[in-house]
Amino acid sequence: MKSRKNLTRFTYETTAFEGWRLCLSRAGTTFTRYFSDKQYGGPRKSLNAAENARTDLIQLVDNSRRVNGKLSKTTVSKGTKLLKLS
């Protein structure tokens, strides 16, 4: 499987982790979450979970207000909670 925008595939033989990494940067804040194949039951299911989380996070961040050009603390905490629930 090929990497997609804001999603990177990790498949290294020398490490225990195989799955997808979601990394989204907006207005000076970076959100990162790993979606393991083992946890979600395979590469396609982990990709679907990562894509759903990415869609929700982009919607939250792009529709939020900025304070001095940066995301507000409320938006950052909502984004962090959103990634934990995914």
Protein backbone atom coordinates (compact mmCIF):
# COMPACT_ATOMS: atom_id res chain seq x y z
CA MET A 1 0.00 0.00 0.00
CA LYS A 2 1.14 3.47 -0.84
CA SER A 3 1.28 6.45 1.49
CA ARG A 4 -1.45 9.06 1.19
CA LYS A 5 -1.63 12.71 2.14
CA ASN A 6 -0.98 13.05 5.90
CA LEU A 7 -0.78 9.23 6.20
CA THR A 8 2.43 7.22 6.09
CA ARG A 9 2.71 3.44 5.94
CA PHE A 10 5.21 1.80 8.33
CA THR A 11 6.29 -1.73 7.46
CA TYR A 12 9.74 -2.42 8.81
CA GLU A 13 10.96 -5.97 9.33
CA THR A 14 13.26 -4.91 12.18
CA THR A 15 10.56 -3.33 14.36
CA ALA A 16 7.46 -4.66 16.06
CA PHE A 17 5.17 -1.94 14.63
CA GLU A 18 3.35 -2.23 11.33
CA GLY A 19 0.60 0.19 10.48
CA TRP A 20 -0.22 3.76 9.54
CA ARG A 21 0.87 7.08 11.03
CA LEU A 22 -1.42 10.09 10.84
CA CYS A 23 0.48 13.37 11.05
CA LEU A 24 -1.34 16.66 10.49
CA SER A 25 0.21 20.10 10.99
CA ARG A 26 -1.83 23.27 11.03
CA ALA A 27 -1.08 26.76 12.39
CA GLY A 28 1.99 25.71 14.36
CA THR A 29 0.45 22.60 15.94
CA THR A 30 1.16 19.01 14.94
CA PHE A 31 -1.21 16.13 15.66
CA THR A 32 0.20 12.59 15.41
CA ARG A 33 -1.35 9.18 15.97
CA TYR A 34 -0.33 5.65 15.03
CA PHE A 35 -2.85 3.05 13.81
CA SER A 36 -1.50 -0.47 14.26
CA ASP A 37 -2.46 -3.32 11.92
CA LYS A 38 -2.52 -5.65 14.89
CA GLN A 39 -4.95 -3.47 16.87
CA TYR A 40 -7.37 -2.88 13.98
CA GLY A 41 -7.20 -6.34 12.37
CA GLY A 42 -5.16 -5.73 9.24
CA PRO A 43 -3.69 -3.06 6.99
CA ARG A 44 -6.93 -2.08 5.25
CA LYS A 45 -8.88 -1.73 8.49
CA SER A 46 -6.14 0.36 10.10
CA LEU A 47 -6.03 2.52 6.96
CA ASN A 48 -9.80 3.06 7.14
CA ALA A 49 -9.55 4.06 10.81
CA ALA A 50 -6.69 6.46 10.03
CA GLU A 51 -8.58 8.02 7.11
CA ASN A 52 -11.71 8.50 9.24
CA ALA A 53 -9.67 10.14 12.01
CA ARG A 54 -7.90 12.35 9.46
CA THR A 55 -11.22 13.51 7.98
CA ASP A 56 -12.64 14.36 11.41
CA LEU A 57 -9.45 16.13 12.50
CA ILE A 58 -9.18 18.20 9.31
CA GLN A 59 -12.80 19.26 9.66
CA LEU A 60 -12.26 20.29 13.29
CA VAL A 61 -9.01 22.17 12.69
CA ASP A 62 -9.95 23.94 9.46
CA ASN A 63 -13.26 25.19 10.87
CA SER A 64 -11.81 26.45 14.15
CA ARG A 65 -10.84 29.98 15.04
CA ARG A 66 -7.27 31.14 15.38
CA VAL A 67 -5.71 33.21 18.16
CA ASN A 68 -2.76 35.27 16.91
CA GLY A 69 -2.43 32.92 13.92
CA LYS A 70 -2.32 29.77 16.04
CA LEU A 71 -4.96 27.26 17.03
CA SER A 72 -6.74 27.98 20.29
CA LYS A 73 -6.06 25.77 23.33
CA THR A 74 -9.63 24.49 23.14
CA THR A 75 -9.16 23.34 19.55
CA VAL A 76 -5.86 21.64 20.37
CA SER A 77 -7.42 19.76 23.28
CA LYS A 78 -10.44 18.75 21.16
CA GLY A 79 -8.11 17.46 18.45
CA THR A 80 -6.09 15.49 20.97
CA LYS A 81 -9.25 13.94 22.46
CA LEU A 82 -10.55 13.14 18.97
CA LEU A 83 -7.38 11.20 18.17
CA LYS A 84 -7.52 9.29 21.47
CA LEU A 85 -11.11 8.19 20.78
CA SER A 86 -10.41 7.03 17.22
